[in-house]
Amino acid sequence: MKKQWERDLSCAVACARCNGALAVRDQRILSVFDHQPICLACKQAEEKQPDYAEASKKMIGTCMMETEVMYGDPGGYCYYHFYPFTCAG
């Protein structure tokens, strides 16, 4: 059974950046800036920001520490910032 935080993020119905609709089978990815689910078009735009590389490095370090305390599953949560996923239901 999925944890509530994982279901909330992986099954978001709208992109947190552009507010575009996300269907169950649409791919989404987490933003390295605010950890919110965004569409792949917004991820491409995010990657073009001049501070993206620095934000990615910072996110990796803090993500591992935060998820161990908050979620207990650092691998799954941090992984979703770099690899697209769909709602698994």
PDB file of N, CA and C in Angstrom:
ATOM      1  N   MET A   1       0.842  -1.188   0.000  1.00  0.00           N
ATOM      2  CA  MET A   1       0.000   0.000   0.000  1.00  0.00           C
ATOM      3  C   MET A   1       0.886   1.250   0.000  1.00  0.00           C
ATOM      4  N   LYS A   2       0.550   2.204  -0.848  1.00  0.00           N
ATOM      5  CA  LYS A   2       1.325   3.438  -0.934  1.00  0.00           C
ATOM      6  C   LYS A   2       1.072   4.317   0.276  1.00  0.00           C
ATOM      7  N   LYS A   3       2.119   5.030   0.670  1.00  0.00           N
ATOM      8  CA  LYS A   3       1.975   6.012   1.732  1.00  0.00           C
ATOM      9  C   LYS A   3       1.222   7.209   1.179  1.00  0.00           C
ATOM     10  N   GLN A   4       0.538   7.949   2.035  1.00  0.00           N
ATOM     11  CA  GLN A   4      -0.278   9.073   1.589  1.00  0.00           C
ATOM     12  C   GLN A   4       0.531  10.128   0.850  1.00  0.00           C
ATOM     13  N   TRP A   5       1.732  10.469   1.338  1.00  0.00           N
ATOM     14  CA  TRP A   5       2.544  11.487   0.662  1.00  0.00           C
ATOM     15  C   TRP A   5       2.881  11.057  -0.753  1.00  0.00           C
ATOM     16  N   GLU A   6       3.160   9.769  -0.935  1.00  0.00           N
ATOM     17  CA  GLU A   6       3.526   9.268  -2.260  1.00  0.00           C
ATOM     18  C   GLU A   6       2.332   9.325  -3.196  1.00  0.00           C
ATOM     19  N   ARG A   7       1.161   8.980  -2.723  1.00  0.00           N
ATOM     20  CA  ARG A   7      -0.050   9.037  -3.534  1.00  0.00           C
ATOM     21  C   ARG A   7      -0.368  10.486  -3.907  1.00  0.00           C
ATOM     22  N   ASP A   8      -0.243  11.409  -2.946  1.00  0.00           N
ATOM     23  CA  ASP A   8      -0.532  12.816  -3.207  1.00  0.00           C
ATOM     24  C   ASP A   8       0.379  13.394  -4.285  1.00  0.00           C
ATOM     25  N   LEU A   9       1.660  13.050  -4.236  1.00  0.00           N
ATOM     26  CA  LEU A   9       2.602  13.572  -5.223  1.00  0.00           C
ATOM     27  C   LEU A   9       2.486  12.852  -6.559  1.00  0.00           C
ATOM     28  N   SER A  10       2.454  11.528  -6.530  1.00  0.00           N
ATOM     29  CA  SER A  10       2.473  10.784  -7.786  1.00  0.00           C
ATOM     30  C   SER A  10       1.147  10.833  -8.535  1.00  0.00           C
ATOM     31  N   CYS A  11       0.077  11.126  -7.848  1.00  0.00           N
ATOM     32  CA  CYS A  11      -1.225  11.164  -8.499  1.00  0.00           C
ATOM     33  C   CYS A  11      -1.817  12.573  -8.537  1.00  0.00           C
ATOM     34  N   ALA A  12      -0.948  13.586  -8.517  1.00  0.00           N
ATOM     35  CA  ALA A  12      -1.425  14.968  -8.623  1.00  0.00           C
ATOM     36  C   ALA A  12      -2.207  15.116  -9.929  1.00  0.00           C
ATOM     37  N   VAL A  13      -3.274  15.859  -9.902  1.00  0.00           N
ATOM     38  CA  VAL A  13      -4.137  16.009 -11.080  1.00  0.00           C
ATOM     39  C   VAL A  13      -3.811  17.252 -11.898  1.00  0.00           C
ATOM     40  N   ALA A  14      -2.867  18.073 -11.397  1.00  0.00           N
ATOM     41  CA  ALA A  14      -2.463  19.277 -12.130  1.00  0.00           C
ATOM     42  C   ALA A  14      -0.992  19.571 -11.871  1.00  0.00           C
ATOM     43  N   CYS A  15      -0.349  20.147 -12.865  1.00  0.00           N
ATOM     44  CA  CYS A  15       1.041  20.576 -12.739  1.00  0.00           C
ATOM     45  C   CYS A  15       1.089  21.748 -11.766  1.00  0.00           C
ATOM     46  N   ALA A  16       1.988  21.682 -10.808  1.00  0.00           N
ATOM     47  CA  ALA A  16       2.102  22.746  -9.809  1.00  0.00           C
ATOM     48  C   ALA A  16       2.645  24.033 -10.407  1.00  0.00           C
ATOM     49  N   ARG A  17       3.258  23.978 -11.563  1.00  0.00           N
ATOM     50  CA  ARG A  17       3.854  25.154 -12.176  1.00  0.00           C
ATOM     51  C   ARG A  17       2.885  25.850 -13.143  1.00  0.00           C
ATOM     52  N   CYS A  18       2.350  25.112 -14.119  1.00  0.00           N
ATOM     53  CA  CYS A  18       1.494  25.734 -15.145  1.00  0.00           C
ATOM     54  C   CYS A  18       0.012  25.469 -14.910  1.00  0.00           C
ATOM     55  N   ASN A  19      -0.292  24.622 -13.938  1.00  0.00           N
ATOM     56  CA  ASN A  19      -1.661  24.235 -13.595  1.00  0.00           C
ATOM     57  C   ASN A  19      -2.345  23.425 -14.699  1.00  0.00           C
ATOM     58  N   GLY A  20      -1.553  22.894 -15.628  1.00  0.00           N
ATOM     59  CA  GLY A  20      -2.107  22.033 -16.675  1.00  0.00           C
ATOM     60  C   GLY A  20      -2.573  20.712 -16.084  1.00  0.00           C
ATOM     61  N   ALA A  21      -3.606  20.144 -16.660  1.00  0.00           N
ATOM     62  CA  ALA A  21      -4.171  18.887 -16.165  1.00  0.00           C
ATOM     63  C   ALA A  21      -3.188  17.737 -16.357  1.00  0.00           C
ATOM     64  N   LEU A  22      -3.155  16.830 -15.386  1.00  0.00           N
ATOM     65  CA  LEU A  22      -2.354  15.614 -15.456  1.00  0.00           C
ATOM     66  C   LEU A  22      -3.288  14.422 -15.292  1.00  0.00           C
ATOM     67  N   ALA A  23      -3.408  13.632 -16.336  1.00  0.00           N
ATOM     68  CA  ALA A  23      -4.216  12.414 -16.270  1.00  0.00           C
ATOM     69  C   ALA A  23      -3.391  11.321 -15.589  1.00  0.00           C
ATOM     70  N   VAL A  24      -4.036  10.267 -15.196  1.00  0.00           N
ATOM     71  CA  VAL A  24      -3.373   9.172 -14.479  1.00  0.00           C
ATOM     72  C   VAL A  24      -2.155   8.671 -15.252  1.00  0.00           C
ATOM     73  N   ARG A  25      -2.266   8.536 -16.556  1.00  0.00           N
ATOM     74  CA  ARG A  25      -1.168   7.973 -17.356  1.00  0.00           C
ATOM     75  C   ARG A  25      -0.175   9.010 -17.860  1.00  0.00           C
ATOM     76  N   ASP A  26      -0.415  10.298 -17.593  1.00  0.00           N
ATOM     77  CA  ASP A  26       0.530  11.342 -17.992  1.00  0.00           C
ATOM     78  C   ASP A  26       1.768  11.275 -17.106  1.00  0.00           C
ATOM     79  N   GLN A  27       2.916  11.462 -17.735  1.00  0.00           N
ATOM     80  CA  GLN A  27       4.144  11.486 -16.956  1.00  0.00           C
ATOM     81  C   GLN A  27       4.274  12.827 -16.249  1.00  0.00           C
ATOM     82  N   ARG A  28       4.836  12.769 -15.067  1.00  0.00           N
ATOM     83  CA  ARG A  28       5.130  13.961 -14.286  1.00  0.00           C
ATOM     84  C   ARG A  28       6.451  13.735 -13.578  1.00  0.00           C
ATOM     85  N   ILE A  29       7.006  14.786 -12.994  1.00  0.00           N
ATOM     86  CA  ILE A  29       8.298  14.711 -12.325  1.00  0.00           C
ATOM     87  C   ILE A  29       8.294  15.761 -11.224  1.00  0.00           C
ATOM     88  N   LEU A  30       9.093  15.571 -10.198  1.00  0.00           N
ATOM     89  CA  LEU A  30       9.125  16.549  -9.111  1.00  0.00           C
ATOM     90  C   LEU A  30      10.129  17.654  -9.411  1.00  0.00           C
ATOM     91  N   SER A  31       9.766  18.864  -9.069  1.00  0.00           N
ATOM     92  CA  SER A  31      10.646  20.018  -9.237  1.00  0.00           C
ATOM     93  C   SER A  31      11.778  19.954  -8.225  1.00  0.00           C
ATOM     94  N   VAL A  32      12.990  20.296  -8.650  1.00  0.00           N
ATOM     95  CA  VAL A  32      14.109  20.342  -7.708  1.00  0.00           C
ATOM     96  C   VAL A  32      14.054  21.606  -6.854  1.00  0.00           C
ATOM     97  N   PHE A  33      13.227  22.562  -7.239  1.00  0.00           N
ATOM     98  CA  PHE A  33      13.133  23.809  -6.491  1.00  0.00           C
ATOM     99  C   PHE A  33      12.149  23.731  -5.325  1.00  0.00           C
ATOM    100  N   ASP A  34      10.994  23.078  -5.539  1.00  0.00           N
ATOM    101  CA  ASP A  34       9.987  23.067  -4.476  1.00  0.00           C
ATOM    102  C   ASP A  34       9.373  21.689  -4.213  1.00  0.00           C
ATOM    103  N   HIS A  35       9.910  20.653  -4.840  1.00  0.00           N
ATOM    104  CA  HIS A  35       9.466  19.259  -4.622  1.00  0.00           C
ATOM    105  C   HIS A  35       8.026  19.004  -5.030  1.00  0.00           C
ATOM    106  N   GLN A  36       7.448  19.847  -5.858  1.00  0.00           N
ATOM    107  CA  GLN A  36       6.072  19.670  -6.294  1.00  0.00           C
ATOM    108  C   GLN A  36       6.033  18.960  -7.647  1.00  0.00           C
ATOM    109  N   PRO A  37       4.966  18.187  -7.919  1.00  0.00           N
ATOM    110  CA  PRO A  37       4.856  17.504  -9.208  1.00  0.00           C
ATOM    111  C   PRO A  37       4.587  18.507 -10.336  1.00  0.00           C
ATOM    112  N   ILE A  38       5.371  18.383 -11.400  1.00  0.00           N
ATOM    113  CA  ILE A  38       5.207  19.255 -12.564  1.00  0.00           C
ATOM    114  C   ILE A  38       5.186  18.404 -13.831  1.00  0.00           C
ATOM    115  N   CYS A  39       4.652  18.976 -14.903  1.00  0.00           N
ATOM    116  CA  CYS A  39       4.622  18.272 -16.184  1.00  0.00           C
ATOM    117  C   CYS A  39       6.024  18.298 -16.801  1.00  0.00           C
ATOM    118  N   LEU A  40       6.238  17.481 -17.813  1.00  0.00           N
ATOM    119  CA  LEU A  40       7.557  17.395 -18.414  1.00  0.00           C
ATOM    120  C   LEU A  40       7.947  18.671 -19.154  1.00  0.00           C
ATOM    121  N   ALA A  41       6.977  19.393 -19.699  1.00  0.00           N
ATOM    122  CA  ALA A  41       7.280  20.672 -20.359  1.00  0.00           C
ATOM    123  C   ALA A  41       7.814  21.675 -19.336  1.00  0.00           C
ATOM    124  N   CYS A  42       7.220  21.710 -18.163  1.00  0.00           N
ATOM    125  CA  CYS A  42       7.695  22.620 -17.120  1.00  0.00           C
ATOM    126  C   CYS A  42       9.051  22.169 -16.587  1.00  0.00           C
ATOM    127  N   LYS A  43       9.304  20.862 -16.557  1.00  0.00           N
ATOM    128  CA  LYS A  43      10.615  20.368 -16.138  1.00  0.00           C
ATOM    129  C   LYS A  43      11.685  20.818 -17.123  1.00  0.00           C
ATOM    130  N   GLN A  44      11.372  20.770 -18.416  1.00  0.00           N
ATOM    131  CA  GLN A  44      12.336  21.232 -19.420  1.00  0.00           C
ATOM    132  C   GLN A  44      12.643  22.705 -19.226  1.00  0.00           C
ATOM    133  N   ALA A  45      11.627  23.502 -18.935  1.00  0.00           N
ATOM    134  CA  ALA A  45      11.839  24.932 -18.678  1.00  0.00           C
ATOM    135  C   ALA A  45      12.655  25.128 -17.400  1.00  0.00           C
ATOM    136  N   GLU A  46      12.368  24.316 -16.376  1.00  0.00           N
ATOM    137  CA  GLU A  46      13.105  24.397 -15.113  1.00  0.00           C
ATOM    138  C   GLU A  46      14.588  24.121 -15.334  1.00  0.00           C
ATOM    139  N   GLU A  47      14.897  23.140 -16.167  1.00  0.00           N
ATOM    140  CA  GLU A  47      16.288  22.765 -16.430  1.00  0.00           C
ATOM    141  C   GLU A  47      17.076  23.873 -17.129  1.00  0.00           C
ATOM    142  N   LYS A  48      16.389  24.809 -17.756  1.00  0.00           N
ATOM    143  CA  LYS A  48      17.052  25.919 -18.457  1.00  0.00           C
ATOM    144  C   LYS A  48      17.350  27.101 -17.534  1.00  0.00           C
ATOM    145  N   GLN A  49      16.841  27.071 -16.324  1.00  0.00           N
ATOM    146  CA  GLN A  49      17.097  28.160 -15.394  1.00  0.00           C
ATOM    147  C   GLN A  49      18.576  28.146 -14.996  1.00  0.00           C
ATOM    148  N   PRO A  50      19.195  29.323 -14.881  1.00  0.00           N
ATOM    149  CA  PRO A  50      20.628  29.378 -14.600  1.00  0.00           C
ATOM    150  C   PRO A  50      21.047  28.742 -13.274  1.00  0.00           C
ATOM    151  N   ASP A  51      20.153  28.673 -12.318  1.00  0.00           N
ATOM    152  CA  ASP A  51      20.498  28.090 -11.023  1.00  0.00           C
ATOM    153  C   ASP A  51      20.048  26.635 -10.868  1.00  0.00           C
ATOM    154  N   TYR A  52      19.668  26.009 -11.978  1.00  0.00           N
ATOM    155  CA  TYR A  52      19.169  24.631 -11.920  1.00  0.00           C
ATOM    156  C   TYR A  52      20.228  23.652 -11.402  1.00  0.00           C
ATOM    157  N   ALA A  53      21.450  23.730 -11.920  1.00  0.00           N
ATOM    158  CA  ALA A  53      22.501  22.792 -11.497  1.00  0.00           C
ATOM    159  C   ALA A  53      22.764  22.908  -9.998  1.00  0.00           C
ATOM    160  N   GLU A  54      22.847  24.123  -9.512  1.00  0.00           N
ATOM    161  CA  GLU A  54      23.085  24.342  -8.078  1.00  0.00           C
ATOM    162  C   GLU A  54      21.895  23.841  -7.254  1.00  0.00           C
ATOM    163  N   ALA A  55      20.683  24.123  -7.723  1.00  0.00           N
ATOM    164  CA  ALA A  55      19.481  23.669  -7.011  1.00  0.00           C
ATOM    165  C   ALA A  55      19.409  22.144  -6.975  1.00  0.00           C
ATOM    166  N   SER A  56      19.811  21.493  -8.065  1.00  0.00           N
ATOM    167  CA  SER A  56      19.799  20.029  -8.115  1.00  0.00           C
ATOM    168  C   SER A  56      20.752  19.439  -7.086  1.00  0.00           C
ATOM    169  N   LYS A  57      21.962  19.991  -7.014  1.00  0.00           N
ATOM    170  CA  LYS A  57      22.947  19.499  -6.049  1.00  0.00           C
ATOM    171  C   LYS A  57      22.452  19.692  -4.620  1.00  0.00           C
ATOM    172  N   LYS A  58      21.902  20.851  -4.357  1.00  0.00           N
ATOM    173  CA  LYS A  58      21.386  21.139  -3.018  1.00  0.00           C
ATOM    174  C   LYS A  58      20.219  20.217  -2.683  1.00  0.00           C
ATOM    175  N   MET A  59      19.330  20.003  -3.660  1.00  0.00           N
ATOM    176  CA  MET A  59      18.159  19.151  -3.434  1.00  0.00           C
ATOM    177  C   MET A  59      18.577  17.740  -3.078  1.00  0.00           C
ATOM    178  N   ILE A  60      19.577  17.213  -3.755  1.00  0.00           N
ATOM    179  CA  ILE A  60      20.014  15.837  -3.482  1.00  0.00           C
ATOM    180  C   ILE A  60      20.457  15.694  -2.035  1.00  0.00           C
ATOM    181  N   GLY A  61      21.263  16.625  -1.566  1.00  0.00           N
ATOM    182  CA  GLY A  61      21.741  16.552  -0.184  1.00  0.00           C
ATOM    183  C   GLY A  61      20.640  16.713   0.839  1.00  0.00           C
ATOM    184  N   THR A  62      19.820  17.726   0.664  1.00  0.00           N
ATOM    185  CA  THR A  62      18.758  17.961   1.644  1.00  0.00           C
ATOM    186  C   THR A  62      17.642  16.933   1.532  1.00  0.00           C
ATOM    187  N   CYS A  63      17.383  16.468   0.337  1.00  0.00           N
ATOM    188  CA  CYS A  63      16.311  15.482   0.144  1.00  0.00           C
ATOM    189  C   CYS A  63      16.588  14.212   0.939  1.00  0.00           C
ATOM    190  N   MET A  64      17.806  13.752   0.864  1.00  0.00           N
ATOM    191  CA  MET A  64      18.139  12.529   1.578  1.00  0.00           C
ATOM    192  C   MET A  64      17.966  12.686   3.087  1.00  0.00           C
ATOM    193  N   MET A  65      18.353  13.830   3.613  1.00  0.00           N
ATOM    194  CA  MET A  65      18.192  14.064   5.056  1.00  0.00           C
ATOM    195  C   MET A  65      16.717  14.215   5.427  1.00  0.00           C
ATOM    196  N   GLU A  66      15.986  15.017   4.676  1.00  0.00           N
ATOM    197  CA  GLU A  66      14.577  15.281   4.990  1.00  0.00           C
ATOM    198  C   GLU A  66      13.709  14.041   4.873  1.00  0.00           C
ATOM    199  N   THR A  67      13.900  13.267   3.823  1.00  0.00           N
ATOM    200  CA  THR A  67      13.029  12.111   3.627  1.00  0.00           C
ATOM    201  C   THR A  67      13.271  11.035   4.657  1.00  0.00           C
ATOM    202  N   GLU A  68      14.480  10.924   5.121  1.00  0.00           N
ATOM    203  CA  GLU A  68      14.734   9.927   6.161  1.00  0.00           C
ATOM    204  C   GLU A  68      13.925  10.257   7.403  1.00  0.00           C
ATOM    205  N   VAL A  69      13.818  11.518   7.713  1.00  0.00           N
ATOM    206  CA  VAL A  69      13.065  11.945   8.888  1.00  0.00           C
ATOM    207  C   VAL A  69      11.567  11.980   8.595  1.00  0.00           C
ATOM    208  N   MET A  70      11.186  12.594   7.469  1.00  0.00           N
ATOM    209  CA  MET A  70       9.769  12.839   7.191  1.00  0.00           C
ATOM    210  C   MET A  70       9.041  11.649   6.578  1.00  0.00           C
ATOM    211  N   TYR A  71       9.697  10.923   5.689  1.00  0.00           N
ATOM    212  CA  TYR A  71       8.978   9.919   4.915  1.00  0.00           C
ATOM    213  C   TYR A  71       9.466   8.493   5.106  1.00  0.00           C
ATOM    214  N   GLY A  72      10.700   8.309   5.534  1.00  0.00           N
ATOM    215  CA  GLY A  72      11.218   6.975   5.741  1.00  0.00           C
ATOM    216  C   GLY A  72      11.531   6.214   4.464  1.00  0.00           C
ATOM    217  N   ASP A  73      11.473   6.873   3.302  1.00  0.00           N
ATOM    218  CA  ASP A  73      11.746   6.218   2.029  1.00  0.00           C
ATOM    219  C   ASP A  73      12.515   7.168   1.125  1.00  0.00           C
ATOM    220  N   PRO A  74      13.772   7.458   1.448  1.00  0.00           N
ATOM    221  CA  PRO A  74      14.513   8.440   0.672  1.00  0.00           C
ATOM    222  C   PRO A  74      14.715   8.059  -0.785  1.00  0.00           C
ATOM    223  N   GLY A  75      14.873   6.795  -1.098  1.00  0.00           N
ATOM    224  CA  GLY A  75      15.116   6.380  -2.476  1.00  0.00           C
ATOM    225  C   GLY A  75      13.998   6.746  -3.421  1.00  0.00           C
ATOM    226  N   GLY A  76      12.758   6.424  -3.064  1.00  0.00           N
ATOM    227  CA  GLY A  76      11.631   6.692  -3.946  1.00  0.00           C
ATOM    228  C   GLY A  76      11.358   8.166  -4.133  1.00  0.00           C
ATOM    229  N   TYR A  77      11.331   8.917  -3.069  1.00  0.00           N
ATOM    230  CA  TYR A  77      10.992  10.335  -3.130  1.00  0.00           C
ATOM    231  C   TYR A  77      12.051  11.122  -3.888  1.00  0.00           C
ATOM    232  N   CYS A  78      13.298  10.930  -3.582  1.00  0.00           N
ATOM    233  CA  CYS A  78      14.377  11.689  -4.225  1.00  0.00           C
ATOM    234  C   CYS A  78      14.522  11.293  -5.691  1.00  0.00           C
ATOM    235  N   TYR A  79      14.325  10.055  -5.987  1.00  0.00           N
ATOM    236  CA  TYR A  79      14.418   9.525  -7.354  1.00  0.00           C
ATOM    237  C   TYR A  79      13.453  10.251  -8.288  1.00  0.00           C
ATOM    238  N   TYR A  80      12.268  10.577  -7.808  1.00  0.00           N
ATOM    239  CA  TYR A  80      11.230  11.189  -8.646  1.00  0.00           C
ATOM    240  C   TYR A  80      11.559  12.614  -9.084  1.00  0.00           C
ATOM    241  N   HIS A  81      12.640  13.193  -8.599  1.00  0.00           N
ATOM    242  CA  HIS A  81      13.054  14.524  -9.052  1.00  0.00           C
ATOM    243  C   HIS A  81      13.795  14.465 -10.383  1.00  0.00           C
ATOM    244  N   PHE A  82      14.226  13.265 -10.774  1.00  0.00           N
ATOM    245  CA  PHE A  82      15.050  13.127 -11.976  1.00  0.00           C
ATOM    246  C   PHE A  82      14.503  12.143 -12.997  1.00  0.00           C
ATOM    247  N   TYR A  83      13.522  11.348 -12.628  1.00  0.00           N
ATOM    248  CA  TYR A  83      12.958  10.363 -13.537  1.00  0.00           C
ATOM    249  C   TYR A  83      11.432  10.495 -13.565  1.00  0.00           C
ATOM    250  N   PRO A  84      10.855  10.652 -14.759  1.00  0.00           N
ATOM    251  CA  PRO A  84       9.398  10.803 -14.868  1.00  0.00           C
ATOM    252  C   PRO A  84       8.670   9.557 -14.362  1.00  0.00           C
ATOM    253  N   PHE A  85       7.462   9.777 -13.907  1.00  0.00           N
ATOM    254  CA  PHE A  85       6.636   8.690 -13.378  1.00  0.00           C
ATOM    255  C   PHE A  85       5.168   8.988 -13.672  1.00  0.00           C
ATOM    256  N   THR A  86       4.334   7.993 -13.514  1.00  0.00           N
ATOM    257  CA  THR A  86       2.886   8.143 -13.667  1.00  0.00           C
ATOM    258  C   THR A  86       2.212   7.732 -12.375  1.00  0.00           C
ATOM    259  N   CYS A  87       0.942   8.019 -12.283  1.00  0.00           N
ATOM    260  CA  CYS A  87       0.175   7.627 -11.103  1.00  0.00           C
ATOM    261  C   CYS A  87      -0.020   6.120 -11.129  1.00  0.00           C
ATOM    262  N   ALA A  88       0.413   5.472 -10.093  1.00  0.00           N
ATOM    263  CA  ALA A  88       0.297   4.002 -10.016  1.00  0.00           C
ATOM    264  C   ALA A  88      -0.976   3.566  -9.295  1.00  0.00           C
ATOM    265  N   GLY A  89      -1.785   4.542  -8.895  1.00  0.00           N
ATOM    266  CA  GLY A  89      -3.059   4.209  -8.275  1.00  0.00           C
ATOM    267  C   GLY A  89      -3.012   3.871  -6.878  1.00  0.00           C
TER     268      GLY A  89
END
